[in-house]
């Protein structure tokens, strides 16, 4: 399940209302909810989401809505494919791959290191992975940072691509797995966005 595209779709359709999301697996991770929430807030003015069966006090849709009548809609593969098509503006070779909007956790950086194991970035493409200072310190001590940077990728902390002057830095096409970054950058109209899943990104930009 692509939690980023799901969040973006919810943000676009919920607007300023408080959505209640039913049907998530009970073992959904905090990282997955992080990306869902960030994408929802990028897609629309969503300030809160009830995760039915997960959020305290939202054991059911009825309890989440305090018994009030609610409008419902279903989200499936078709809707998520539409989000990906909307956010993906180009098929050109990327100048920059930006991962970590919001910041990648230490666990996610470990997963990235595994995807990059034994691979090298193709010429002409730069990859930055953004994280918090705490996660940065952990992966630096543990050796995960070295595993990532062997590929040619770079890890940085306490900032991310959404606040960077990408066009001024010479980037014309940015590839990302972040629906939040895709929405923010595309709305500025200066840089083209390629929106893909992280495994697809690594497969395309490495050899």
N, C-alpha and C. Protein backbone atom coordinates (compact mmCIF):
# COMPACT_ATOMS: atom_id res chain seq x y z
N UNK A 1 0.85 -1.20 0.00
CA UNK A 1 0.00 0.00 0.00
C UNK A 1 0.88 1.25 0.00
N UNK A 2 0.63 2.14 -0.91
CA UNK A 2 1.38 3.39 -1.00
C UNK A 2 0.70 4.43 -0.11
N UNK A 3 1.25 4.61 1.09
CA UNK A 3 0.64 5.51 2.06
C UNK A 3 0.77 6.98 1.65
N UNK A 4 1.77 7.29 0.86
CA UNK A 4 1.94 8.68 0.42
C UNK A 4 0.82 9.07 -0.55
N UNK A 5 0.59 8.24 -1.55
CA UNK A 5 -0.48 8.54 -2.51
C UNK A 5 -1.84 8.50 -1.84
N UNK A 6 -2.02 7.57 -0.91
CA UNK A 6 -3.28 7.48 -0.16
C UNK A 6 -3.53 8.76 0.62
N UNK A 7 -2.50 9.24 1.31
CA UNK A 7 -2.65 10.47 2.08
C UNK A 7 -2.99 11.66 1.20
N UNK A 8 -2.32 11.74 0.06
CA UNK A 8 -2.56 12.86 -0.86
C UNK A 8 -4.00 12.83 -1.37
N UNK A 9 -4.48 11.65 -1.72
CA UNK A 9 -5.86 11.52 -2.20
C UNK A 9 -6.84 11.96 -1.12
N UNK A 10 -6.60 11.54 0.10
CA UNK A 10 -7.49 11.91 1.21
C UNK A 10 -7.49 13.42 1.41
N UNK A 11 -6.30 14.03 1.36
CA UNK A 11 -6.21 15.48 1.53
C UNK A 11 -6.99 16.23 0.46
N UNK A 12 -6.90 15.75 -0.77
CA UNK A 12 -7.60 16.40 -1.88
C UNK A 12 -9.12 16.31 -1.74
N UNK A 13 -9.59 15.19 -1.23
CA UNK A 13 -11.04 14.96 -1.20
C UNK A 13 -11.69 15.34 0.13
N UNK A 14 -10.92 15.36 1.21
CA UNK A 14 -11.50 15.72 2.51
C UNK A 14 -11.58 17.23 2.69
N UNK A 15 -10.66 17.95 2.07
CA UNK A 15 -10.65 19.39 2.26
C UNK A 15 -10.42 19.75 3.71
N UNK A 16 -11.23 20.66 4.24
CA UNK A 16 -11.07 21.10 5.62
C UNK A 16 -11.81 20.21 6.62
N UNK A 17 -12.49 19.18 6.12
CA UNK A 17 -13.18 18.26 7.02
C UNK A 17 -12.17 17.32 7.69
N UNK A 18 -12.58 16.69 8.77
CA UNK A 18 -11.71 15.73 9.47
C UNK A 18 -12.03 14.33 8.96
N UNK A 19 -11.14 13.72 8.21
CA UNK A 19 -11.42 12.39 7.67
C UNK A 19 -11.21 11.29 8.70
N UNK A 20 -11.99 10.24 8.56
CA UNK A 20 -11.80 9.01 9.33
C UNK A 20 -11.43 7.91 8.36
N UNK A 21 -10.26 7.33 8.53
CA UNK A 21 -9.75 6.35 7.58
C UNK A 21 -9.92 4.95 8.15
N UNK A 22 -10.78 4.17 7.51
CA UNK A 22 -11.09 2.82 7.96
C UNK A 22 -10.47 1.81 6.99
N UNK A 23 -9.92 0.73 7.52
CA UNK A 23 -9.38 -0.32 6.67
C UNK A 23 -7.88 -0.45 6.67
N UNK A 24 -7.18 0.39 7.43
CA UNK A 24 -5.73 0.24 7.52
C UNK A 24 -5.38 -1.02 8.30
N UNK A 25 -4.29 -1.68 7.94
CA UNK A 25 -3.86 -2.84 8.73
C UNK A 25 -3.49 -2.41 10.14
N UNK A 26 -3.76 -3.25 11.10
CA UNK A 26 -3.49 -2.89 12.50
C UNK A 26 -1.99 -2.79 12.78
N UNK A 27 -1.17 -3.39 11.93
CA UNK A 27 0.28 -3.33 12.15
C UNK A 27 0.94 -2.22 11.34
N UNK A 28 0.15 -1.24 10.90
CA UNK A 28 0.72 -0.12 10.16
C UNK A 28 1.78 0.56 11.02
N UNK A 29 2.89 0.96 10.42
CA UNK A 29 4.01 1.51 11.19
C UNK A 29 3.86 3.02 11.38
N UNK A 30 4.59 3.54 12.35
CA UNK A 30 4.58 4.99 12.58
C UNK A 30 5.16 5.73 11.37
N UNK A 31 6.13 5.13 10.69
CA UNK A 31 6.68 5.75 9.48
C UNK A 31 5.62 5.86 8.39
N UNK A 32 4.84 4.82 8.22
CA UNK A 32 3.79 4.83 7.20
C UNK A 32 2.73 5.89 7.51
N UNK A 33 2.35 6.00 8.78
CA UNK A 33 1.38 7.02 9.17
C UNK A 33 1.98 8.42 9.03
N UNK A 34 3.26 8.55 9.28
CA UNK A 34 3.95 9.84 9.10
C UNK A 34 3.82 10.31 7.66
N UNK A 35 4.10 9.43 6.72
CA UNK A 35 4.04 9.81 5.31
C UNK A 35 2.60 10.05 4.86
N UNK A 36 1.66 9.27 5.38
CA UNK A 36 0.26 9.46 5.04
C UNK A 36 -0.21 10.84 5.49
N UNK A 37 0.10 11.18 6.74
CA UNK A 37 -0.34 12.46 7.28
C UNK A 37 0.29 13.65 6.57
N UNK A 38 1.59 13.54 6.26
CA UNK A 38 2.27 14.64 5.57
C UNK A 38 1.69 14.86 4.18
N UNK A 39 1.41 13.76 3.49
CA UNK A 39 0.84 13.87 2.14
C UNK A 39 -0.58 14.42 2.19
N UNK A 40 -1.35 14.03 3.20
CA UNK A 40 -2.72 14.55 3.33
C UNK A 40 -2.71 16.06 3.53
N UNK A 41 -1.79 16.54 4.36
CA UNK A 41 -1.70 17.98 4.62
C UNK A 41 -1.20 18.74 3.40
N UNK A 42 -0.46 18.07 2.51
CA UNK A 42 -0.02 18.70 1.26
C UNK A 42 -1.15 18.72 0.24
N UNK A 43 -1.99 17.69 0.27
CA UNK A 43 -3.08 17.59 -0.69
C UNK A 43 -4.24 18.52 -0.40
N UNK A 44 -4.40 18.93 0.85
CA UNK A 44 -5.51 19.80 1.22
C UNK A 44 -5.32 20.31 2.64
N UNK A 45 -6.25 21.13 3.13
CA UNK A 45 -6.11 21.74 4.46
C UNK A 45 -6.50 20.80 5.60
N UNK A 46 -6.00 19.57 5.55
CA UNK A 46 -6.32 18.58 6.58
C UNK A 46 -5.48 18.85 7.82
N UNK A 47 -6.11 18.95 8.97
CA UNK A 47 -5.38 19.19 10.22
C UNK A 47 -5.38 17.99 11.15
N UNK A 48 -6.27 17.03 10.91
CA UNK A 48 -6.35 15.86 11.77
C UNK A 48 -7.00 14.71 11.01
N UNK A 49 -6.56 13.49 11.30
CA UNK A 49 -7.15 12.29 10.71
C UNK A 49 -7.43 11.29 11.81
N UNK A 50 -8.61 10.69 11.78
CA UNK A 50 -8.90 9.56 12.66
C UNK A 50 -8.55 8.27 11.93
N UNK A 51 -7.63 7.50 12.49
CA UNK A 51 -7.31 6.18 11.95
C UNK A 51 -8.17 5.17 12.72
N UNK A 52 -9.24 4.74 12.08
CA UNK A 52 -10.22 3.88 12.77
C UNK A 52 -9.55 2.58 13.22
N UNK A 53 -9.73 2.28 14.51
CA UNK A 53 -9.13 1.09 15.09
C UNK A 53 -7.72 1.30 15.59
N UNK A 54 -7.17 2.49 15.35
CA UNK A 54 -5.79 2.79 15.76
C UNK A 54 -5.75 4.02 16.67
N UNK A 55 -6.36 5.12 16.23
CA UNK A 55 -6.40 6.33 17.03
C UNK A 55 -7.25 6.11 18.28
N UNK A 56 -6.74 6.46 19.48
CA UNK A 56 -7.55 6.33 20.69
C UNK A 56 -8.87 7.09 20.56
N UNK A 57 -9.96 6.44 20.93
CA UNK A 57 -11.27 7.05 20.81
C UNK A 57 -11.91 6.86 19.46
N UNK A 58 -11.19 6.21 18.55
CA UNK A 58 -11.73 5.96 17.20
C UNK A 58 -11.77 4.47 16.93
N UNK A 59 -12.34 3.73 17.87
CA UNK A 59 -12.39 2.28 17.73
C UNK A 59 -13.27 1.85 16.56
N UNK A 60 -14.20 2.71 16.18
CA UNK A 60 -15.06 2.46 15.03
C UNK A 60 -15.33 3.78 14.33
N UNK A 61 -15.87 3.72 13.12
CA UNK A 61 -16.20 4.95 12.40
C UNK A 61 -17.27 5.73 13.16
N UNK A 62 -18.17 5.01 13.81
CA UNK A 62 -19.23 5.66 14.58
C UNK A 62 -18.65 6.44 15.75
N UNK A 63 -17.72 5.83 16.47
CA UNK A 63 -17.12 6.54 17.61
C UNK A 63 -16.23 7.69 17.14
N UNK A 64 -15.56 7.51 16.00
CA UNK A 64 -14.71 8.58 15.47
C UNK A 64 -15.53 9.80 15.09
N UNK A 65 -16.74 9.57 14.61
CA UNK A 65 -17.61 10.68 14.17
C UNK A 65 -18.58 11.13 15.26
N UNK A 66 -18.41 10.56 16.46
CA UNK A 66 -19.30 10.89 17.58
C UNK A 66 -20.76 10.64 17.23
N UNK A 67 -20.98 9.64 16.40
CA UNK A 67 -22.34 9.25 16.04
C UNK A 67 -22.99 10.10 14.97
N UNK A 68 -22.29 11.12 14.49
CA UNK A 68 -22.87 11.98 13.46
C UNK A 68 -22.83 11.28 12.10
N UNK A 69 -23.74 11.68 11.22
CA UNK A 69 -23.77 11.12 9.87
C UNK A 69 -22.54 11.60 9.10
N UNK A 70 -21.92 10.68 8.37
CA UNK A 70 -20.70 11.03 7.64
C UNK A 70 -20.83 10.66 6.16
N UNK A 71 -20.12 11.40 5.34
CA UNK A 71 -20.00 11.06 3.92
C UNK A 71 -18.85 10.06 3.78
N UNK A 72 -19.04 9.04 2.98
CA UNK A 72 -17.99 8.03 2.81
C UNK A 72 -17.59 7.91 1.34
N UNK A 73 -16.35 7.53 1.12
CA UNK A 73 -15.89 7.20 -0.23
C UNK A 73 -14.80 6.14 -0.12
N UNK A 74 -14.70 5.34 -1.16
CA UNK A 74 -13.72 4.25 -1.20
C UNK A 74 -12.48 4.69 -1.96
N UNK A 75 -11.34 4.19 -1.52
CA UNK A 75 -10.07 4.45 -2.19
C UNK A 75 -9.43 3.12 -2.53
N UNK A 76 -9.17 2.90 -3.81
CA UNK A 76 -8.55 1.66 -4.25
C UNK A 76 -7.38 1.93 -5.18
N UNK A 77 -6.95 0.89 -5.87
CA UNK A 77 -5.80 1.01 -6.75
C UNK A 77 -6.01 2.05 -7.84
N UNK A 78 -7.23 2.13 -8.36
CA UNK A 78 -7.53 3.09 -9.43
C UNK A 78 -7.27 4.52 -8.95
N UNK A 79 -7.72 4.84 -7.76
CA UNK A 79 -7.56 6.19 -7.23
C UNK A 79 -6.08 6.50 -6.96
N UNK A 80 -5.34 5.51 -6.45
CA UNK A 80 -3.92 5.73 -6.18
C UNK A 80 -3.14 5.90 -7.47
N UNK A 81 -3.52 5.16 -8.51
CA UNK A 81 -2.88 5.32 -9.82
C UNK A 81 -3.13 6.72 -10.37
N UNK A 82 -4.32 7.25 -10.13
CA UNK A 82 -4.64 8.61 -10.59
C UNK A 82 -3.77 9.65 -9.89
N UNK A 83 -3.53 9.44 -8.59
CA UNK A 83 -2.65 10.35 -7.85
C UNK A 83 -1.25 10.33 -8.44
N UNK A 84 -0.73 9.13 -8.68
CA UNK A 84 0.62 9.00 -9.23
C UNK A 84 0.71 9.68 -10.60
N UNK A 85 -0.32 9.51 -11.42
CA UNK A 85 -0.33 10.14 -12.74
C UNK A 85 -0.38 11.66 -12.63
N UNK A 86 -1.15 12.17 -11.67
CA UNK A 86 -1.27 13.62 -11.49
C UNK A 86 0.05 14.25 -11.03
N UNK A 87 0.73 13.56 -10.11
CA UNK A 87 1.95 14.12 -9.53
C UNK A 87 3.17 13.92 -10.42
N UNK A 88 3.12 12.92 -11.28
CA UNK A 88 4.27 12.62 -12.13
C UNK A 88 4.19 13.47 -13.40
N UNK A 89 5.02 14.50 -13.48
CA UNK A 89 4.92 15.48 -14.56
C UNK A 89 5.83 15.20 -15.74
N UNK A 90 6.76 14.29 -15.60
CA UNK A 90 7.78 14.13 -16.63
C UNK A 90 8.32 12.71 -16.63
N UNK A 91 8.90 12.31 -17.75
CA UNK A 91 9.64 11.05 -17.82
C UNK A 91 11.11 11.32 -18.19
N UNK A 92 11.52 12.59 -18.04
CA UNK A 92 12.90 12.95 -18.34
C UNK A 92 13.85 12.41 -17.28
N UNK A 93 15.11 12.29 -17.65
CA UNK A 93 16.14 11.85 -16.72
C UNK A 93 16.26 12.87 -15.59
N UNK A 94 16.23 12.43 -14.33
CA UNK A 94 16.29 13.39 -13.22
C UNK A 94 17.70 13.93 -12.98
N UNK A 95 17.77 15.20 -12.60
CA UNK A 95 19.03 15.80 -12.14
C UNK A 95 19.25 15.46 -10.67
N UNK A 96 18.14 15.36 -9.94
CA UNK A 96 18.20 15.17 -8.49
C UNK A 96 17.16 14.15 -8.05
N UNK A 97 17.58 13.26 -7.17
CA UNK A 97 16.65 12.39 -6.46
C UNK A 97 16.60 12.88 -5.02
N UNK A 98 15.40 13.23 -4.54
CA UNK A 98 15.23 13.77 -3.20
C UNK A 98 14.34 12.83 -2.39
N UNK A 99 14.89 12.25 -1.35
CA UNK A 99 14.17 11.31 -0.49
C UNK A 99 14.16 11.85 0.94
N UNK A 100 13.00 11.83 1.57
CA UNK A 100 12.97 12.23 2.96
C UNK A 100 12.23 13.52 3.24
N UNK A 101 11.04 13.64 2.66
CA UNK A 101 10.15 14.77 2.96
C UNK A 101 8.79 14.19 3.28
N UNK A 102 8.46 13.96 4.54
CA UNK A 102 9.21 14.30 5.76
C UNK A 102 10.44 13.42 5.97
N UNK A 103 11.25 13.80 6.96
CA UNK A 103 12.54 13.15 7.20
C UNK A 103 12.42 11.63 7.32
N UNK A 104 13.40 10.95 6.73
CA UNK A 104 13.48 9.50 6.85
C UNK A 104 13.94 9.12 8.26
N UNK A 105 13.35 8.07 8.79
CA UNK A 105 13.76 7.55 10.09
C UNK A 105 15.00 6.69 9.93
N UNK A 106 15.61 6.31 11.05
CA UNK A 106 16.77 5.41 11.00
C UNK A 106 16.38 4.09 10.35
N UNK A 107 15.19 3.60 10.64
CA UNK A 107 14.71 2.35 10.03
C UNK A 107 14.60 2.49 8.52
N UNK A 108 14.05 3.60 8.05
CA UNK A 108 13.91 3.82 6.61
C UNK A 108 15.27 3.97 5.94
N UNK A 109 16.21 4.58 6.62
CA UNK A 109 17.56 4.71 6.07
C UNK A 109 18.23 3.34 5.96
N UNK A 110 17.94 2.46 6.92
CA UNK A 110 18.45 1.10 6.82
C UNK A 110 17.88 0.38 5.61
N UNK A 111 16.60 0.60 5.34
CA UNK A 111 15.97 -0.01 4.15
C UNK A 111 16.57 0.57 2.87
N UNK A 112 16.84 1.87 2.87
CA UNK A 112 17.47 2.50 1.70
C UNK A 112 18.86 1.92 1.46
N UNK A 113 19.60 1.72 2.53
CA UNK A 113 20.94 1.15 2.40
C UNK A 113 20.89 -0.23 1.75
N UNK A 114 19.89 -1.01 2.10
CA UNK A 114 19.74 -2.35 1.50
C UNK A 114 19.43 -2.24 0.01
N UNK A 115 18.57 -1.30 -0.36
CA UNK A 115 18.23 -1.11 -1.78
C UNK A 115 19.45 -0.67 -2.60
N UNK A 116 20.33 0.11 -1.97
CA UNK A 116 21.50 0.65 -2.66
C UNK A 116 22.71 -0.27 -2.60
N UNK A 117 22.61 -1.34 -1.85
CA UNK A 117 23.75 -2.24 -1.66
C UNK A 117 24.30 -2.74 -2.99
N UNK A 118 25.59 -2.50 -3.22
CA UNK A 118 26.24 -2.96 -4.44
C UNK A 118 25.94 -2.15 -5.68
N UNK A 119 25.25 -1.02 -5.53
CA UNK A 119 24.86 -0.20 -6.68
C UNK A 119 25.59 1.14 -6.65
N UNK A 120 25.66 1.77 -7.82
CA UNK A 120 26.24 3.10 -7.96
C UNK A 120 25.28 4.00 -8.73
N UNK A 121 25.21 5.26 -8.33
CA UNK A 121 24.39 6.21 -9.07
C UNK A 121 24.93 6.38 -10.49
N UNK A 122 24.02 6.46 -11.44
CA UNK A 122 24.42 6.73 -12.81
C UNK A 122 24.89 8.17 -12.94
N UNK A 123 25.77 8.42 -13.90
CA UNK A 123 26.32 9.75 -14.09
C UNK A 123 25.25 10.79 -14.36
N UNK A 124 25.45 11.97 -13.80
CA UNK A 124 24.53 13.07 -14.05
C UNK A 124 23.36 13.16 -13.09
N UNK A 125 23.26 12.20 -12.16
CA UNK A 125 22.16 12.22 -11.18
C UNK A 125 22.72 12.31 -9.78
N UNK A 126 22.17 13.20 -8.99
CA UNK A 126 22.55 13.31 -7.58
C UNK A 126 21.39 12.84 -6.72
N UNK A 127 21.71 12.18 -5.62
CA UNK A 127 20.68 11.70 -4.70
C UNK A 127 20.97 12.22 -3.30
N UNK A 128 19.96 12.85 -2.71
CA UNK A 128 20.06 13.29 -1.32
C UNK A 128 18.95 12.63 -0.51
N UNK A 129 19.34 12.11 0.64
CA UNK A 129 18.38 11.55 1.59
C UNK A 129 18.39 12.46 2.82
N UNK A 130 17.22 12.93 3.21
CA UNK A 130 17.11 13.90 4.30
C UNK A 130 16.59 13.22 5.56
N UNK A 131 17.18 13.60 6.70
CA UNK A 131 16.79 12.96 7.95
C UNK A 131 16.95 13.94 9.10
N UNK A 132 16.58 13.50 10.29
CA UNK A 132 16.74 14.32 11.50
C UNK A 132 18.17 14.19 12.02
N UNK A 133 18.56 15.10 12.90
CA UNK A 133 19.91 15.03 13.46
C UNK A 133 20.09 13.78 14.31
N UNK A 134 19.03 13.35 15.00
CA UNK A 134 19.13 12.16 15.84
C UNK A 134 19.33 10.90 14.99
N UNK A 135 18.54 10.76 13.93
CA UNK A 135 18.69 9.60 13.05
C UNK A 135 20.03 9.65 12.32
N UNK A 136 20.47 10.84 11.94
CA UNK A 136 21.76 11.01 11.27
C UNK A 136 22.89 10.49 12.16
N UNK A 137 22.88 10.89 13.43
CA UNK A 137 23.92 10.44 14.36
C UNK A 137 23.90 8.92 14.51
N UNK A 138 22.71 8.35 14.58
CA UNK A 138 22.59 6.89 14.75
C UNK A 138 23.15 6.15 13.55
N UNK A 139 22.75 6.55 12.34
CA UNK A 139 23.20 5.80 11.16
C UNK A 139 24.67 6.05 10.87
N UNK A 140 25.19 7.19 11.32
CA UNK A 140 26.62 7.44 11.18
C UNK A 140 27.41 6.49 12.07
N UNK A 141 26.96 6.32 13.32
CA UNK A 141 27.65 5.42 14.25
C UNK A 141 27.51 3.97 13.84
N UNK A 142 26.36 3.61 13.29
CA UNK A 142 26.07 2.20 12.99
C UNK A 142 26.68 1.72 11.68
N UNK A 143 27.14 2.65 10.84
CA UNK A 143 27.69 2.26 9.55
C UNK A 143 26.70 2.33 8.40
N UNK A 144 25.43 2.58 8.71
CA UNK A 144 24.41 2.66 7.65
C UNK A 144 24.69 3.83 6.72
N UNK A 145 25.16 4.93 7.28
CA UNK A 145 25.47 6.11 6.46
C UNK A 145 26.54 5.77 5.42
N UNK A 146 27.57 5.06 5.83
CA UNK A 146 28.63 4.66 4.89
C UNK A 146 28.07 3.76 3.80
N UNK A 147 27.17 2.85 4.18
CA UNK A 147 26.55 1.95 3.20
C UNK A 147 25.79 2.75 2.14
N UNK A 148 25.08 3.79 2.57
CA UNK A 148 24.32 4.62 1.64
C UNK A 148 25.26 5.41 0.73
N UNK A 149 26.28 6.02 1.33
CA UNK A 149 27.12 6.94 0.57
C UNK A 149 28.11 6.22 -0.35
N UNK A 150 28.31 4.93 -0.18
CA UNK A 150 29.12 4.16 -1.12
C UNK A 150 28.52 4.20 -2.53
N UNK A 151 27.22 4.37 -2.59
CA UNK A 151 26.52 4.39 -3.89
C UNK A 151 26.70 5.71 -4.62
N UNK A 152 27.17 6.72 -3.91
CA UNK A 152 27.24 8.07 -4.46
C UNK A 152 26.16 8.98 -3.93
N UNK A 153 25.19 8.40 -3.21
CA UNK A 153 24.15 9.20 -2.58
C UNK A 153 24.73 9.97 -1.39
N UNK A 154 24.05 11.01 -0.97
CA UNK A 154 24.49 11.80 0.17
C UNK A 154 23.36 11.91 1.19
N UNK A 155 23.76 11.87 2.46
CA UNK A 155 22.82 11.96 3.56
C UNK A 155 23.02 13.29 4.26
N UNK A 156 21.93 14.01 4.49
CA UNK A 156 22.03 15.29 5.18
C UNK A 156 20.90 15.40 6.20
N UNK A 157 21.07 16.28 7.17
CA UNK A 157 20.07 16.36 8.24
C UNK A 157 19.63 17.79 8.52
N UNK A 158 18.49 17.89 9.18
CA UNK A 158 17.94 19.16 9.68
C UNK A 158 17.54 20.13 8.57
N UNK A 159 17.34 19.61 7.37
CA UNK A 159 16.82 20.40 6.26
C UNK A 159 16.17 19.44 5.28
N UNK A 160 15.58 19.93 4.22
CA UNK A 160 15.10 19.03 3.17
C UNK A 160 14.86 19.82 1.89
N UNK A 161 14.50 19.11 0.84
CA UNK A 161 14.43 19.72 -0.49
C UNK A 161 13.31 20.74 -0.63
N UNK A 162 12.28 20.66 0.19
CA UNK A 162 11.15 21.58 0.00
C UNK A 162 11.51 23.03 0.32
N UNK A 163 12.57 23.24 1.10
CA UNK A 163 12.98 24.61 1.42
C UNK A 163 14.26 25.00 0.67
N UNK A 164 14.65 24.19 -0.31
CA UNK A 164 15.85 24.47 -1.09
C UNK A 164 15.48 25.17 -2.40
N UNK A 165 16.28 26.13 -2.84
CA UNK A 165 16.02 26.80 -4.13
C UNK A 165 16.49 25.90 -5.28
N UNK A 166 15.70 24.90 -5.60
CA UNK A 166 16.12 23.84 -6.51
C UNK A 166 16.52 24.37 -7.88
N UNK A 167 15.73 25.30 -8.42
CA UNK A 167 16.04 25.85 -9.74
C UNK A 167 17.34 26.63 -9.70
N UNK A 168 17.55 27.41 -8.66
CA UNK A 168 18.77 28.20 -8.53
C UNK A 168 20.00 27.30 -8.39
N UNK A 169 19.80 26.11 -7.84
CA UNK A 169 20.89 25.16 -7.67
C UNK A 169 21.17 24.37 -8.94
N UNK A 170 20.39 24.62 -9.98
CA UNK A 170 20.65 24.00 -11.27
C UNK A 170 19.87 22.74 -11.56
N UNK A 171 18.84 22.46 -10.76
CA UNK A 171 18.05 21.25 -10.97
C UNK A 171 16.80 21.57 -11.78
N UNK A 172 16.57 20.79 -12.83
CA UNK A 172 15.40 20.99 -13.68
C UNK A 172 14.36 19.89 -13.51
N UNK A 173 14.82 18.66 -13.21
CA UNK A 173 13.92 17.52 -13.05
C UNK A 173 14.27 16.82 -11.74
N UNK A 174 13.31 16.77 -10.82
CA UNK A 174 13.52 16.17 -9.51
C UNK A 174 12.66 14.92 -9.38
N UNK A 175 13.29 13.81 -9.02
CA UNK A 175 12.56 12.57 -8.79
C UNK A 175 12.44 12.35 -7.29
N UNK A 176 11.25 11.99 -6.85
CA UNK A 176 11.02 11.80 -5.42
C UNK A 176 9.94 10.75 -5.19
N UNK A 177 9.95 10.18 -3.99
CA UNK A 177 8.87 9.29 -3.58
C UNK A 177 7.93 10.00 -2.61
N UNK A 178 8.11 11.31 -2.47
CA UNK A 178 7.33 12.09 -1.52
C UNK A 178 6.20 12.84 -2.21
N UNK A 179 4.96 12.49 -1.88
CA UNK A 179 3.82 13.23 -2.43
C UNK A 179 3.82 14.67 -1.92
N UNK A 180 4.28 14.87 -0.70
CA UNK A 180 4.35 16.22 -0.15
C UNK A 180 5.30 17.08 -0.96
N UNK A 181 6.50 16.58 -1.21
CA UNK A 181 7.47 17.35 -1.99
C UNK A 181 6.98 17.56 -3.42
N UNK A 182 6.39 16.53 -4.00
CA UNK A 182 5.88 16.64 -5.37
C UNK A 182 4.85 17.76 -5.48
N UNK A 183 3.95 17.86 -4.53
CA UNK A 183 2.92 18.90 -4.55
C UNK A 183 3.54 20.28 -4.38
N UNK A 184 4.44 20.42 -3.42
CA UNK A 184 5.03 21.74 -3.14
C UNK A 184 5.86 22.24 -4.31
N UNK A 185 6.72 21.38 -4.84
CA UNK A 185 7.61 21.79 -5.93
C UNK A 185 6.82 22.05 -7.21
N UNK A 186 5.87 21.17 -7.52
CA UNK A 186 5.11 21.34 -8.76
C UNK A 186 4.26 22.60 -8.73
N UNK A 187 3.79 22.99 -7.55
CA UNK A 187 2.97 24.20 -7.44
C UNK A 187 3.78 25.47 -7.71
N UNK A 188 5.10 25.39 -7.54
CA UNK A 188 5.96 26.54 -7.81
C UNK A 188 6.25 26.69 -9.30
N UNK A 189 6.11 25.59 -10.06
CA UNK A 189 6.19 25.65 -11.51
C UNK A 189 7.56 25.82 -12.13
N UNK A 190 8.62 25.76 -11.33
CA UNK A 190 9.96 25.99 -11.87
C UNK A 190 10.69 24.68 -12.20
N UNK A 191 10.36 23.62 -11.50
CA UNK A 191 11.06 22.35 -11.62
C UNK A 191 10.04 21.25 -11.92
N UNK A 192 10.37 20.36 -12.83
CA UNK A 192 9.50 19.23 -13.14
C UNK A 192 9.69 18.12 -12.11
N UNK A 193 8.59 17.44 -11.81
CA UNK A 193 8.62 16.38 -10.80
C UNK A 193 8.39 15.02 -11.45
N UNK A 194 9.18 14.06 -11.01
CA UNK A 194 8.92 12.65 -11.31
C UNK A 194 8.61 11.97 -9.99
N UNK A 195 7.43 11.41 -9.89
CA UNK A 195 6.94 10.81 -8.64
C UNK A 195 6.88 9.30 -8.81
N UNK A 196 7.72 8.59 -8.06
CA UNK A 196 7.80 7.14 -8.16
C UNK A 196 7.98 6.52 -6.78
N UNK A 197 7.81 5.21 -6.71
CA UNK A 197 8.10 4.48 -5.48
C UNK A 197 9.61 4.33 -5.34
N UNK A 198 10.08 4.20 -4.11
CA UNK A 198 11.52 4.23 -3.87
C UNK A 198 12.26 3.10 -4.56
N UNK A 199 11.68 1.92 -4.61
CA UNK A 199 12.35 0.80 -5.28
C UNK A 199 12.48 1.08 -6.78
N UNK A 200 11.46 1.69 -7.37
CA UNK A 200 11.51 2.06 -8.78
C UNK A 200 12.57 3.12 -9.03
N UNK A 201 12.68 4.06 -8.11
CA UNK A 201 13.68 5.12 -8.24
C UNK A 201 15.09 4.54 -8.24
N UNK A 202 15.37 3.71 -7.24
CA UNK A 202 16.71 3.12 -7.13
C UNK A 202 17.03 2.29 -8.36
N UNK A 203 16.05 1.54 -8.85
CA UNK A 203 16.26 0.71 -10.03
C UNK A 203 16.63 1.57 -11.24
N UNK A 204 15.99 2.72 -11.38
CA UNK A 204 16.23 3.56 -12.56
C UNK A 204 17.53 4.33 -12.51
N UNK A 205 17.91 4.84 -11.35
CA UNK A 205 19.04 5.78 -11.30
C UNK A 205 20.35 5.14 -10.88
N UNK A 206 20.37 3.82 -10.68
CA UNK A 206 21.61 3.14 -10.30
C UNK A 206 21.94 2.03 -11.29
N UNK A 207 23.16 1.58 -11.21
CA UNK A 207 23.58 0.44 -12.03
C UNK A 207 24.50 -0.46 -11.21
